[in-house]
């Protein structure tokens, strides 16, 4: 028996109100700086908690948008739901980006200031 764990350099959530997804699995309808939001991810995910990371939208299968915000993950915990491991937590928005702007905001896990 093995332990499957994913180390995530960013938080990737589905489009708001994605079909068959709980609201916490999706990017909130409206992001605001200095506001905190819950998130939910299937699997045992590990996030960097000591700094800012990118928030991206995903369509699944690693189809990711450009960063839409810079966030701080305030807490992250694992739990069992329907005999599967899940990760839930809270993130706080520090900056919001226009995904159509070509400016680079992150170089891998480092925020560019």
PDB file of N, CA and C in Angstrom:
ATOM      1  N   UNK A   1       0.851  -1.180   0.000  1.00  0.00           N
ATOM      2  CA  UNK A   1       0.000   0.000   0.000  1.00  0.00           C
ATOM      3  C   UNK A   1       0.890   1.233   0.000  1.00  0.00           C
ATOM      4  N   UNK A   2       0.526   2.222  -0.785  1.00  0.00           N
ATOM      5  CA  UNK A   2       1.331   3.436  -0.880  1.00  0.00           C
ATOM      6  C   UNK A   2       0.509   4.658  -0.484  1.00  0.00           C
ATOM      7  N   UNK A   3       1.211   5.739  -0.245  1.00  0.00           N
ATOM      8  CA  UNK A   3       0.574   7.017   0.070  1.00  0.00           C
ATOM      9  C   UNK A   3       0.755   7.920  -1.141  1.00  0.00           C
ATOM     10  N   UNK A   4      -0.334   8.410  -1.688  1.00  0.00           N
ATOM     11  CA  UNK A   4      -0.267   9.327  -2.817  1.00  0.00           C
ATOM     12  C   UNK A   4      -0.450  10.740  -2.302  1.00  0.00           C
ATOM     13  N   UNK A   5       0.528  11.591  -2.563  1.00  0.00           N
ATOM     14  CA  UNK A   5       0.471  12.984  -2.147  1.00  0.00           C
ATOM     15  C   UNK A   5       0.981  13.849  -3.281  1.00  0.00           C
ATOM     16  N   UNK A   6       0.350  15.008  -3.454  1.00  0.00           N
ATOM     17  CA  UNK A   6       0.754  15.939  -4.495  1.00  0.00           C
ATOM     18  C   UNK A   6       1.270  17.212  -3.857  1.00  0.00           C
ATOM     19  N   UNK A   7       2.404  17.695  -4.323  1.00  0.00           N
ATOM     20  CA  UNK A   7       2.968  18.965  -3.850  1.00  0.00           C
ATOM     21  C   UNK A   7       2.649  20.017  -4.905  1.00  0.00           C
ATOM     22  N   UNK A   8       1.886  21.019  -4.498  1.00  0.00           N
ATOM     23  CA  UNK A   8       1.337  21.985  -5.443  1.00  0.00           C
ATOM     24  C   UNK A   8       1.982  23.362  -5.275  1.00  0.00           C
ATOM     25  N   UNK A   9       2.630  23.884  -6.323  1.00  0.00           N
ATOM     26  CA  UNK A   9       3.247  25.203  -6.238  1.00  0.00           C
ATOM     27  C   UNK A   9       2.252  26.341  -6.430  1.00  0.00           C
ATOM     28  N   UNK A  10       0.996  26.015  -6.727  1.00  0.00           N
ATOM     29  CA  UNK A  10      -0.052  27.008  -6.945  1.00  0.00           C
ATOM     30  C   UNK A  10      -1.400  26.363  -6.620  1.00  0.00           C
ATOM     31  N   UNK A  11      -2.427  27.179  -6.509  1.00  0.00           N
ATOM     32  CA  UNK A  11      -3.778  26.661  -6.281  1.00  0.00           C
ATOM     33  C   UNK A  11      -4.553  26.792  -7.581  1.00  0.00           C
ATOM     34  N   UNK A  12      -5.056  25.688  -8.085  1.00  0.00           N
ATOM     35  CA  UNK A  12      -5.802  25.667  -9.338  1.00  0.00           C
ATOM     36  C   UNK A  12      -7.231  25.218  -9.050  1.00  0.00           C
ATOM     37  N   UNK A  13      -8.184  26.079  -9.375  1.00  0.00           N
ATOM     38  CA  UNK A  13      -9.598  25.800  -9.142  1.00  0.00           C
ATOM     39  C   UNK A  13     -10.370  25.884 -10.447  1.00  0.00           C
ATOM     40  N   UNK A  14     -11.521  25.246 -10.476  1.00  0.00           N
ATOM     41  CA  UNK A  14     -12.376  25.258 -11.670  1.00  0.00           C
ATOM     42  C   UNK A  14     -13.049  26.617 -11.858  1.00  0.00           C
ATOM     43  N   UNK A  15     -13.559  26.827 -13.051  1.00  0.00           N
ATOM     44  CA  UNK A  15     -14.325  28.039 -13.371  1.00  0.00           C
ATOM     45  C   UNK A  15     -15.533  28.127 -12.447  1.00  0.00           C
ATOM     46  N   UNK A  16     -15.948  29.327 -12.103  1.00  0.00           N
ATOM     47  CA  UNK A  16     -17.103  29.546 -11.234  1.00  0.00           C
ATOM     48  C   UNK A  16     -18.308  28.769 -11.755  1.00  0.00           C
ATOM     49  N   UNK A  17     -18.981  28.071 -10.837  1.00  0.00           N
ATOM     50  CA  UNK A  17     -20.182  27.270 -11.137  1.00  0.00           C
ATOM     51  C   UNK A  17     -19.952  26.190 -12.191  1.00  0.00           C
ATOM     52  N   UNK A  18     -18.797  25.549 -12.155  1.00  0.00           N
ATOM     53  CA  UNK A  18     -18.538  24.444 -13.079  1.00  0.00           C
ATOM     54  C   UNK A  18     -19.496  23.299 -12.785  1.00  0.00           C
ATOM     55  N   UNK A  19     -19.929  22.643 -13.827  1.00  0.00           N
ATOM     56  CA  UNK A  19     -20.873  21.540 -13.719  1.00  0.00           C
ATOM     57  C   UNK A  19     -20.324  20.448 -12.815  1.00  0.00           C
ATOM     58  N   UNK A  20     -21.155  19.963 -11.935  1.00  0.00           N
ATOM     59  CA  UNK A  20     -20.830  18.814 -11.083  1.00  0.00           C
ATOM     60  C   UNK A  20     -19.706  19.087 -10.083  1.00  0.00           C
ATOM     61  N   UNK A  21     -19.511  20.349  -9.703  1.00  0.00           N
ATOM     62  CA  UNK A  21     -18.464  20.720  -8.752  1.00  0.00           C
ATOM     63  C   UNK A  21     -19.079  21.478  -7.583  1.00  0.00           C
ATOM     64  N   UNK A  22     -18.523  21.251  -6.390  1.00  0.00           N
ATOM     65  CA  UNK A  22     -18.950  22.036  -5.236  1.00  0.00           C
ATOM     66  C   UNK A  22     -18.394  23.443  -5.385  1.00  0.00           C
ATOM     67  N   UNK A  23     -19.039  24.417  -4.760  1.00  0.00           N
ATOM     68  CA  UNK A  23     -18.622  25.813  -4.928  1.00  0.00           C
ATOM     69  C   UNK A  23     -17.173  26.034  -4.493  1.00  0.00           C
ATOM     70  N   UNK A  24     -16.698  25.317  -3.457  1.00  0.00           N
ATOM     71  CA  UNK A  24     -15.331  25.493  -2.979  1.00  0.00           C
ATOM     72  C   UNK A  24     -14.285  24.919  -3.939  1.00  0.00           C
ATOM     73  N   UNK A  25     -14.730  24.117  -4.915  1.00  0.00           N
ATOM     74  CA  UNK A  25     -13.814  23.594  -5.929  1.00  0.00           C
ATOM     75  C   UNK A  25     -13.614  24.589  -7.066  1.00  0.00           C
ATOM     76  N   UNK A  26     -14.347  25.698  -7.014  1.00  0.00           N
ATOM     77  CA  UNK A  26     -14.355  26.681  -8.094  1.00  0.00           C
ATOM     78  C   UNK A  26     -13.819  28.030  -7.613  1.00  0.00           C
ATOM     79  N   UNK A  27     -13.293  28.798  -8.568  1.00  0.00           N
ATOM     80  CA  UNK A  27     -12.891  30.171  -8.279  1.00  0.00           C
ATOM     81  C   UNK A  27     -14.151  30.938  -7.893  1.00  0.00           C
ATOM     82  N   UNK A  28     -14.104  31.743  -6.841  1.00  0.00           N
ATOM     83  CA  UNK A  28     -15.286  32.531  -6.483  1.00  0.00           C
ATOM     84  C   UNK A  28     -15.728  33.434  -7.636  1.00  0.00           C
ATOM     85  N   UNK A  29     -17.003  33.754  -7.670  1.00  0.00           N
ATOM     86  CA  UNK A  29     -17.541  34.593  -8.748  1.00  0.00           C
ATOM     87  C   UNK A  29     -16.826  35.935  -8.798  1.00  0.00           C
ATOM     88  N   UNK A  30     -16.552  36.497  -7.635  1.00  0.00           N
ATOM     89  CA  UNK A  30     -15.876  37.794  -7.569  1.00  0.00           C
ATOM     90  C   UNK A  30     -14.749  37.706  -6.543  1.00  0.00           C
ATOM     91  N   UNK A  31     -13.537  37.925  -6.986  1.00  0.00           N
ATOM     92  CA  UNK A  31     -12.389  37.956  -6.083  1.00  0.00           C
ATOM     93  C   UNK A  31     -12.153  39.390  -5.616  1.00  0.00           C
ATOM     94  N   UNK A  32     -11.819  39.541  -4.335  1.00  0.00           N
ATOM     95  CA  UNK A  32     -11.508  40.854  -3.790  1.00  0.00           C
ATOM     96  C   UNK A  32     -10.221  40.759  -2.976  1.00  0.00           C
ATOM     97  N   UNK A  33      -9.372  41.778  -3.113  1.00  0.00           N
ATOM     98  CA  UNK A  33      -8.123  41.834  -2.355  1.00  0.00           C
ATOM     99  C   UNK A  33      -8.434  41.892  -0.865  1.00  0.00           C
ATOM    100  N   UNK A  34      -7.628  41.207  -0.082  1.00  0.00           N
ATOM    101  CA  UNK A  34      -7.740  41.107   1.383  1.00  0.00           C
ATOM    102  C   UNK A  34      -8.946  40.293   1.862  1.00  0.00           C
ATOM    103  N   UNK A  35      -9.632  39.612   0.961  1.00  0.00           N
ATOM    104  CA  UNK A  35     -10.741  38.745   1.344  1.00  0.00           C
ATOM    105  C   UNK A  35     -10.257  37.293   1.345  1.00  0.00           C
ATOM    106  N   UNK A  36     -10.841  36.495   2.219  1.00  0.00           N
ATOM    107  CA  UNK A  36     -10.493  35.076   2.331  1.00  0.00           C
ATOM    108  C   UNK A  36     -11.618  34.218   1.775  1.00  0.00           C
ATOM    109  N   UNK A  37     -11.248  33.095   1.182  1.00  0.00           N
ATOM    110  CA  UNK A  37     -12.200  32.201   0.538  1.00  0.00           C
ATOM    111  C   UNK A  37     -11.833  30.748   0.844  1.00  0.00           C
ATOM    112  N   UNK A  38     -12.827  29.876   0.959  1.00  0.00           N
ATOM    113  CA  UNK A  38     -12.535  28.446   1.160  1.00  0.00           C
ATOM    114  C   UNK A  38     -12.199  27.777  -0.171  1.00  0.00           C
ATOM    115  N   UNK A  39     -11.425  26.695  -0.105  1.00  0.00           N
ATOM    116  CA  UNK A  39     -11.170  25.897  -1.305  1.00  0.00           C
ATOM    117  C   UNK A  39     -11.255  24.422  -0.951  1.00  0.00           C
ATOM    118  N   UNK A  40     -11.466  23.608  -1.971  1.00  0.00           N
ATOM    119  CA  UNK A  40     -11.594  22.162  -1.820  1.00  0.00           C
ATOM    120  C   UNK A  40     -10.950  21.497  -3.028  1.00  0.00           C
ATOM    121  N   UNK A  41     -10.064  20.536  -2.769  1.00  0.00           N
ATOM    122  CA  UNK A  41      -9.393  19.796  -3.832  1.00  0.00           C
ATOM    123  C   UNK A  41      -9.440  18.309  -3.509  1.00  0.00           C
ATOM    124  N   UNK A  42      -9.712  17.493  -4.512  1.00  0.00           N
ATOM    125  CA  UNK A  42      -9.673  16.054  -4.329  1.00  0.00           C
ATOM    126  C   UNK A  42      -8.218  15.609  -4.257  1.00  0.00           C
ATOM    127  N   UNK A  43      -7.906  14.725  -3.339  1.00  0.00           N
ATOM    128  CA  UNK A  43      -6.548  14.215  -3.186  1.00  0.00           C
ATOM    129  C   UNK A  43      -5.836  14.851  -2.007  1.00  0.00           C
ATOM    130  N   UNK A  44      -4.722  14.270  -1.673  1.00  0.00           N
ATOM    131  CA  UNK A  44      -3.906  14.773  -0.568  1.00  0.00           C
ATOM    132  C   UNK A  44      -2.909  15.768  -1.151  1.00  0.00           C
ATOM    133  N   UNK A  45      -3.255  17.048  -1.048  1.00  0.00           N
ATOM    134  CA  UNK A  45      -2.458  18.133  -1.635  1.00  0.00           C
ATOM    135  C   UNK A  45      -1.653  18.827  -0.550  1.00  0.00           C
ATOM    136  N   UNK A  46      -0.445  19.215  -0.901  1.00  0.00           N
ATOM    137  CA  UNK A  46       0.408  19.965   0.015  1.00  0.00           C
ATOM    138  C   UNK A  46       0.768  21.288  -0.658  1.00  0.00           C
ATOM    139  N   UNK A  47       0.524  22.377   0.042  1.00  0.00           N
ATOM    140  CA  UNK A  47       0.755  23.716  -0.483  1.00  0.00           C
ATOM    141  C   UNK A  47       1.794  24.443   0.347  1.00  0.00           C
ATOM    142  N   UNK A  48       2.484  25.378  -0.287  1.00  0.00           N
ATOM    143  CA  UNK A  48       3.427  26.229   0.412  1.00  0.00           C
ATOM    144  C   UNK A  48       2.634  27.257   1.203  1.00  0.00           C
ATOM    145  N   UNK A  49       2.857  27.325   2.502  1.00  0.00           N
ATOM    146  CA  UNK A  49       2.081  28.199   3.374  1.00  0.00           C
ATOM    147  C   UNK A  49       2.838  29.449   3.807  1.00  0.00           C
ATOM    148  N   UNK A  50       4.106  29.552   3.449  1.00  0.00           N
ATOM    149  CA  UNK A  50       4.934  30.636   3.984  1.00  0.00           C
ATOM    150  C   UNK A  50       5.210  31.722   2.948  1.00  0.00           C
ATOM    151  N   UNK A  51       4.207  32.088   2.167  1.00  0.00           N
ATOM    152  CA  UNK A  51       4.385  33.126   1.155  1.00  0.00           C
ATOM    153  C   UNK A  51       3.259  33.092   0.146  1.00  0.00           C
ATOM    154  N   UNK A  52       3.406  33.892  -0.885  1.00  0.00           N
ATOM    155  CA  UNK A  52       2.364  34.015  -1.910  1.00  0.00           C
ATOM    156  C   UNK A  52       2.551  32.972  -3.012  1.00  0.00           C
ATOM    157  N   UNK A  53       1.428  32.485  -3.512  1.00  0.00           N
ATOM    158  CA  UNK A  53       1.411  31.557  -4.646  1.00  0.00           C
ATOM    159  C   UNK A  53       0.374  32.048  -5.646  1.00  0.00           C
ATOM    160  N   UNK A  54       0.433  31.526  -6.844  1.00  0.00           N
ATOM    161  CA  UNK A  54      -0.508  31.917  -7.897  1.00  0.00           C
ATOM    162  C   UNK A  54      -1.826  31.164  -7.739  1.00  0.00           C
ATOM    163  N   UNK A  55      -2.911  31.857  -8.040  1.00  0.00           N
ATOM    164  CA  UNK A  55      -4.230  31.237  -8.191  1.00  0.00           C
ATOM    165  C   UNK A  55      -4.507  31.181  -9.684  1.00  0.00           C
ATOM    166  N   UNK A  56      -4.859  29.995 -10.157  1.00  0.00           N
ATOM    167  CA  UNK A  56      -5.155  29.796 -11.580  1.00  0.00           C
ATOM    168  C   UNK A  56      -6.486  29.080 -11.740  1.00  0.00           C
ATOM    169  N   UNK A  57      -7.071  29.216 -12.906  1.00  0.00           N
ATOM    170  CA  UNK A  57      -8.249  28.437 -13.260  1.00  0.00           C
ATOM    171  C   UNK A  57      -7.767  27.191 -13.996  1.00  0.00           C
ATOM    172  N   UNK A  58      -8.477  26.077 -13.775  1.00  0.00           N
ATOM    173  CA  UNK A  58      -8.149  24.840 -14.477  1.00  0.00           C
ATOM    174  C   UNK A  58      -9.398  24.263 -15.134  1.00  0.00           C
ATOM    175  N   UNK A  59      -9.173  23.617 -16.258  1.00  0.00           N
ATOM    176  CA  UNK A  59     -10.238  22.872 -16.924  1.00  0.00           C
ATOM    177  C   UNK A  59     -10.027  21.383 -16.703  1.00  0.00           C
ATOM    178  N   UNK A  60      -9.055  21.027 -15.868  1.00  0.00           N
ATOM    179  CA  UNK A  60      -8.710  19.634 -15.640  1.00  0.00           C
ATOM    180  C   UNK A  60      -7.566  19.222 -16.546  1.00  0.00           C
ATOM    181  N   UNK A  61      -6.972  18.082 -16.256  1.00  0.00           N
ATOM    182  CA  UNK A  61      -5.870  17.550 -17.065  1.00  0.00           C
ATOM    183  C   UNK A  61      -4.752  18.564 -17.271  1.00  0.00           C
ATOM    184  N   UNK A  62      -4.471  19.348 -16.238  1.00  0.00           N
ATOM    185  CA  UNK A  62      -3.392  20.338 -16.241  1.00  0.00           C
ATOM    186  C   UNK A  62      -3.559  21.413 -17.310  1.00  0.00           C
ATOM    187  N   UNK A  63      -4.789  21.685 -17.715  1.00  0.00           N
ATOM    188  CA  UNK A  63      -5.098  22.791 -18.625  1.00  0.00           C
ATOM    189  C   UNK A  63      -5.308  24.031 -17.760  1.00  0.00           C
ATOM    190  N   UNK A  64      -4.266  24.879 -17.634  1.00  0.00           N
ATOM    191  CA  UNK A  64      -4.281  25.983 -16.682  1.00  0.00           C
ATOM    192  C   UNK A  64      -4.296  27.342 -17.359  1.00  0.00           C
ATOM    193  N   UNK A  65      -4.969  28.292 -16.706  1.00  0.00           N
ATOM    194  CA  UNK A  65      -4.944  29.677 -17.159  1.00  0.00           C
ATOM    195  C   UNK A  65      -3.652  30.329 -16.685  1.00  0.00           C
ATOM    196  N   UNK A  66      -3.425  31.529 -17.128  1.00  0.00           N
ATOM    197  CA  UNK A  66      -2.357  32.350 -16.550  1.00  0.00           C
ATOM    198  C   UNK A  66      -2.806  32.692 -15.133  1.00  0.00           C
ATOM    199  N   UNK A  67      -1.909  33.115 -14.246  1.00  0.00           N
ATOM    200  CA  UNK A  67      -2.334  33.486 -12.884  1.00  0.00           C
ATOM    201  C   UNK A  67      -3.411  34.573 -12.912  1.00  0.00           C
ATOM    202  N   UNK A  68      -4.459  34.360 -12.120  1.00  0.00           N
ATOM    203  CA  UNK A  68      -5.523  35.361 -12.024  1.00  0.00           C
ATOM    204  C   UNK A  68      -5.417  36.150 -10.724  1.00  0.00           C
ATOM    205  N   UNK A  69      -4.600  35.663  -9.795  1.00  0.00           N
ATOM    206  CA  UNK A  69      -4.411  36.367  -8.521  1.00  0.00           C
ATOM    207  C   UNK A  69      -3.178  35.819  -7.820  1.00  0.00           C
ATOM    208  N   UNK A  70      -2.685  36.628  -6.894  1.00  0.00           N
ATOM    209  CA  UNK A  70      -1.656  36.180  -5.966  1.00  0.00           C
ATOM    210  C   UNK A  70      -2.372  35.950  -4.641  1.00  0.00           C
ATOM    211  N   UNK A  71      -2.108  34.819  -4.012  1.00  0.00           N
ATOM    212  CA  UNK A  71      -2.824  34.458  -2.789  1.00  0.00           C
ATOM    213  C   UNK A  71      -1.858  33.945  -1.726  1.00  0.00           C
ATOM    214  N   UNK A  72      -2.329  33.953  -0.510  1.00  0.00           N
ATOM    215  CA  UNK A  72      -1.646  33.296   0.601  1.00  0.00           C
ATOM    216  C   UNK A  72      -2.586  32.202   1.091  1.00  0.00           C
ATOM    217  N   UNK A  73      -2.098  30.995   1.179  1.00  0.00           N
ATOM    218  CA  UNK A  73      -2.912  29.907   1.728  1.00  0.00           C
ATOM    219  C   UNK A  73      -2.775  29.967   3.241  1.00  0.00           C
ATOM    220  N   UNK A  74      -3.887  30.254   3.908  1.00  0.00           N
ATOM    221  CA  UNK A  74      -3.891  30.453   5.350  1.00  0.00           C
ATOM    222  C   UNK A  74      -3.949  29.140   6.117  1.00  0.00           C
ATOM    223  N   UNK A  75      -4.657  28.168   5.560  1.00  0.00           N
ATOM    224  CA  UNK A  75      -4.735  26.860   6.202  1.00  0.00           C
ATOM    225  C   UNK A  75      -5.095  25.808   5.176  1.00  0.00           C
ATOM    226  N   UNK A  76      -4.680  24.594   5.470  1.00  0.00           N
ATOM    227  CA  UNK A  76      -4.936  23.464   4.587  1.00  0.00           C
ATOM    228  C   UNK A  76      -4.982  22.210   5.447  1.00  0.00           C
ATOM    229  N   UNK A  77      -5.999  21.398   5.244  1.00  0.00           N
ATOM    230  CA  UNK A  77      -6.136  20.177   6.034  1.00  0.00           C
ATOM    231  C   UNK A  77      -6.679  19.056   5.146  1.00  0.00           C
ATOM    232  N   UNK A  78      -6.391  17.833   5.532  1.00  0.00           N
ATOM    233  CA  UNK A  78      -6.843  16.659   4.779  1.00  0.00           C
ATOM    234  C   UNK A  78      -7.957  15.960   5.547  1.00  0.00           C
ATOM    235  N   UNK A  79      -8.870  15.345   4.806  1.00  0.00           N
ATOM    236  CA  UNK A  79      -9.968  14.613   5.428  1.00  0.00           C
ATOM    237  C   UNK A  79     -10.468  13.545   4.470  1.00  0.00           C
ATOM    238  N   UNK A  80     -11.275  12.632   4.990  1.00  0.00           N
ATOM    239  CA  UNK A  80     -11.851  11.547   4.192  1.00  0.00           C
ATOM    240  C   UNK A  80     -13.298  11.889   3.863  1.00  0.00           C
ATOM    241  N   UNK A  81     -13.648  11.738   2.589  1.00  0.00           N
ATOM    242  CA  UNK A  81     -15.015  11.955   2.110  1.00  0.00           C
ATOM    243  C   UNK A  81     -15.326  10.837   1.126  1.00  0.00           C
ATOM    244  N   UNK A  82     -16.337  10.045   1.420  1.00  0.00           N
ATOM    245  CA  UNK A  82     -16.703   8.918   0.558  1.00  0.00           C
ATOM    246  C   UNK A  82     -15.503   7.999   0.282  1.00  0.00           C
ATOM    247  N   UNK A  83     -14.751   7.717   1.319  1.00  0.00           N
ATOM    248  CA  UNK A  83     -13.591   6.823   1.281  1.00  0.00           C
ATOM    249  C   UNK A  83     -12.458   7.338   0.376  1.00  0.00           C
ATOM    250  N   UNK A  84     -12.421   8.653   0.128  1.00  0.00           N
ATOM    251  CA  UNK A  84     -11.350   9.263  -0.648  1.00  0.00           C
ATOM    252  C   UNK A  84     -10.752  10.409   0.160  1.00  0.00           C
ATOM    253  N   UNK A  85      -9.458  10.661  -0.061  1.00  0.00           N
ATOM    254  CA  UNK A  85      -8.795  11.768   0.627  1.00  0.00           C
ATOM    255  C   UNK A  85      -9.060  13.063  -0.133  1.00  0.00           C
ATOM    256  N   UNK A  86      -9.371  14.101   0.619  1.00  0.00           N
ATOM    257  CA  UNK A  86      -9.604  15.440   0.075  1.00  0.00           C
ATOM    258  C   UNK A  86      -8.774  16.436   0.875  1.00  0.00           C
ATOM    259  N   UNK A  87      -8.557  17.610   0.281  1.00  0.00           N
ATOM    260  CA  UNK A  87      -7.869  18.708   0.953  1.00  0.00           C
ATOM    261  C   UNK A  87      -8.779  19.929   0.909  1.00  0.00           C
ATOM    262  N   UNK A  88      -8.954  20.549   2.071  1.00  0.00           N
ATOM    263  CA  UNK A  88      -9.731  21.796   2.103  1.00  0.00           C
ATOM    264  C   UNK A  88      -8.911  22.836   2.844  1.00  0.00           C
ATOM    265  N   UNK A  89      -9.219  24.084   2.580  1.00  0.00           N
ATOM    266  CA  UNK A  89      -8.469  25.142   3.242  1.00  0.00           C
ATOM    267  C   UNK A  89      -9.069  26.495   2.979  1.00  0.00           C
ATOM    268  N   UNK A  90      -8.292  27.499   3.329  1.00  0.00           N
ATOM    269  CA  UNK A  90      -8.700  28.893   3.154  1.00  0.00           C
ATOM    270  C   UNK A  90      -7.533  29.646   2.535  1.00  0.00           C
ATOM    271  N   UNK A  91      -7.831  30.480   1.531  1.00  0.00           N
ATOM    272  CA  UNK A  91      -6.804  31.337   0.944  1.00  0.00           C
ATOM    273  C   UNK A  91      -7.253  32.791   1.011  1.00  0.00           C
ATOM    274  N   UNK A  92      -6.268  33.689   1.045  1.00  0.00           N
ATOM    275  CA  UNK A  92      -6.528  35.128   1.090  1.00  0.00           C
ATOM    276  C   UNK A  92      -5.909  35.764  -0.150  1.00  0.00           C
ATOM    277  N   UNK A  93      -6.663  36.617  -0.830  1.00  0.00           N
ATOM    278  CA  UNK A  93      -6.201  37.275  -2.048  1.00  0.00           C
ATOM    279  C   UNK A  93      -5.352  38.499  -1.685  1.00  0.00           C
ATOM    280  N   UNK A  94      -4.149  38.583  -2.260  1.00  0.00           N
ATOM    281  CA  UNK A  94      -3.281  39.740  -2.018  1.00  0.00           C
ATOM    282  C   UNK A  94      -3.210  40.673  -3.220  1.00  0.00           C
ATOM    283  N   UNK A  95      -3.450  40.122  -4.420  1.00  0.00           N
ATOM    284  CA  UNK A  95      -3.405  40.931  -5.635  1.00  0.00           C
ATOM    285  C   UNK A  95      -4.203  40.208  -6.716  1.00  0.00           C
ATOM    286  N   UNK A  96      -4.890  40.967  -7.557  1.00  0.00           N
ATOM    287  CA  UNK A  96      -5.687  40.390  -8.646  1.00  0.00           C
ATOM    288  C   UNK A  96      -5.060  40.797  -9.974  1.00  0.00           C
ATOM    289  N   UNK A  97      -5.000  39.833 -10.917  1.00  0.00           N
ATOM    290  CA  UNK A  97      -4.386  40.071 -12.219  1.00  0.00           C
ATOM    291  C   UNK A  97      -5.410  39.934 -13.340  1.00  0.00           C
ATOM    292  N   UNK A  98      -5.144  40.619 -14.427  1.00  0.00           N
ATOM    293  CA  UNK A  98      -5.909  40.448 -15.651  1.00  0.00           C
ATOM    294  C   UNK A  98      -5.197  39.362 -16.452  1.00  0.00           C
ATOM    295  N   UNK A  99      -5.830  38.216 -16.678  1.00  0.00           N
ATOM    296  CA  UNK A  99      -5.143  37.129 -17.390  1.00  0.00           C
ATOM    297  C   UNK A  99      -4.785  37.484 -18.836  1.00  0.00           C
ATOM    298  N   UNK A 100      -5.382  38.553 -19.380  1.00  0.00           N
ATOM    299  CA  UNK A 100      -5.051  38.981 -20.747  1.00  0.00           C
ATOM    300  C   UNK A 100      -3.826  39.901 -20.779  1.00  0.00           C
ATOM    301  N   UNK A 101      -3.391  40.381 -19.616  1.00  0.00           N
ATOM    302  CA  UNK A 101      -2.202  41.228 -19.518  1.00  0.00           C
ATOM    303  C   UNK A 101      -0.969  40.341 -19.680  1.00  0.00           C
ATOM    304  N   UNK A 102      -0.056  40.657 -20.604  1.00  0.00           N
ATOM    305  CA  UNK A 102       1.109  39.792 -20.829  1.00  0.00           C
ATOM    306  C   UNK A 102       2.186  39.895 -19.739  1.00  0.00           C
ATOM    307  N   UNK A 103       2.004  40.778 -18.762  1.00  0.00           N
ATOM    308  CA  UNK A 103       2.991  40.919 -17.694  1.00  0.00           C
ATOM    309  C   UNK A 103       3.153  39.603 -16.944  1.00  0.00           C
ATOM    310  N   UNK A 104       4.393  39.229 -16.683  1.00  0.00           N
ATOM    311  CA  UNK A 104       4.669  38.003 -15.933  1.00  0.00           C
ATOM    312  C   UNK A 104       4.684  38.341 -14.454  1.00  0.00           C
ATOM    313  N   UNK A 105       3.875  37.616 -13.670  1.00  0.00           N
ATOM    314  CA  UNK A 105       3.752  37.877 -12.235  1.00  0.00           C
ATOM    315  C   UNK A 105       4.460  36.832 -11.379  1.00  0.00           C
ATOM    316  N   UNK A 106       4.651  35.635 -11.930  1.00  0.00           N
ATOM    317  CA  UNK A 106       5.320  34.553 -11.212  1.00  0.00           C
ATOM    318  C   UNK A 106       6.338  33.895 -12.122  1.00  0.00           C
ATOM    319  N   UNK A 107       7.482  33.566 -11.569  1.00  0.00           N
ATOM    320  CA  UNK A 107       8.487  32.755 -12.242  1.00  0.00           C
ATOM    321  C   UNK A 107       8.555  31.464 -11.450  1.00  0.00           C
ATOM    322  N   UNK A 108       7.950  30.418 -11.949  1.00  0.00           N
ATOM    323  CA  UNK A 108       7.682  29.174 -11.226  1.00  0.00           C
ATOM    324  C   UNK A 108       6.972  29.523  -9.930  1.00  0.00           C
ATOM    325  N   UNK A 109       7.582  29.326  -8.766  1.00  0.00           N
ATOM    326  CA  UNK A 109       6.881  29.622  -7.509  1.00  0.00           C
ATOM    327  C   UNK A 109       7.238  30.993  -6.937  1.00  0.00           C
ATOM    328  N   UNK A 110       8.124  31.728  -7.604  1.00  0.00           N
ATOM    329  CA  UNK A 110       8.543  33.038  -7.076  1.00  0.00           C
ATOM    330  C   UNK A 110       7.691  34.160  -7.658  1.00  0.00           C
ATOM    331  N   UNK A 111       7.107  34.974  -6.777  1.00  0.00           N
ATOM    332  CA  UNK A 111       6.349  36.139  -7.226  1.00  0.00           C
ATOM    333  C   UNK A 111       7.331  37.220  -7.657  1.00  0.00           C
ATOM    334  N   UNK A 112       7.077  37.826  -8.805  1.00  0.00           N
ATOM    335  CA  UNK A 112       7.917  38.909  -9.308  1.00  0.00           C
ATOM    336  C   UNK A 112       7.323  40.213  -8.826  1.00  0.00           C
ATOM    337  N   UNK A 113       8.154  40.998  -8.160  1.00  0.00           N
ATOM    338  CA  UNK A 113       7.658  42.263  -7.583  1.00  0.00           C
ATOM    339  C   UNK A 113       8.112  43.448  -8.374  1.00  0.00           C
TER     340      UNK A 113
END
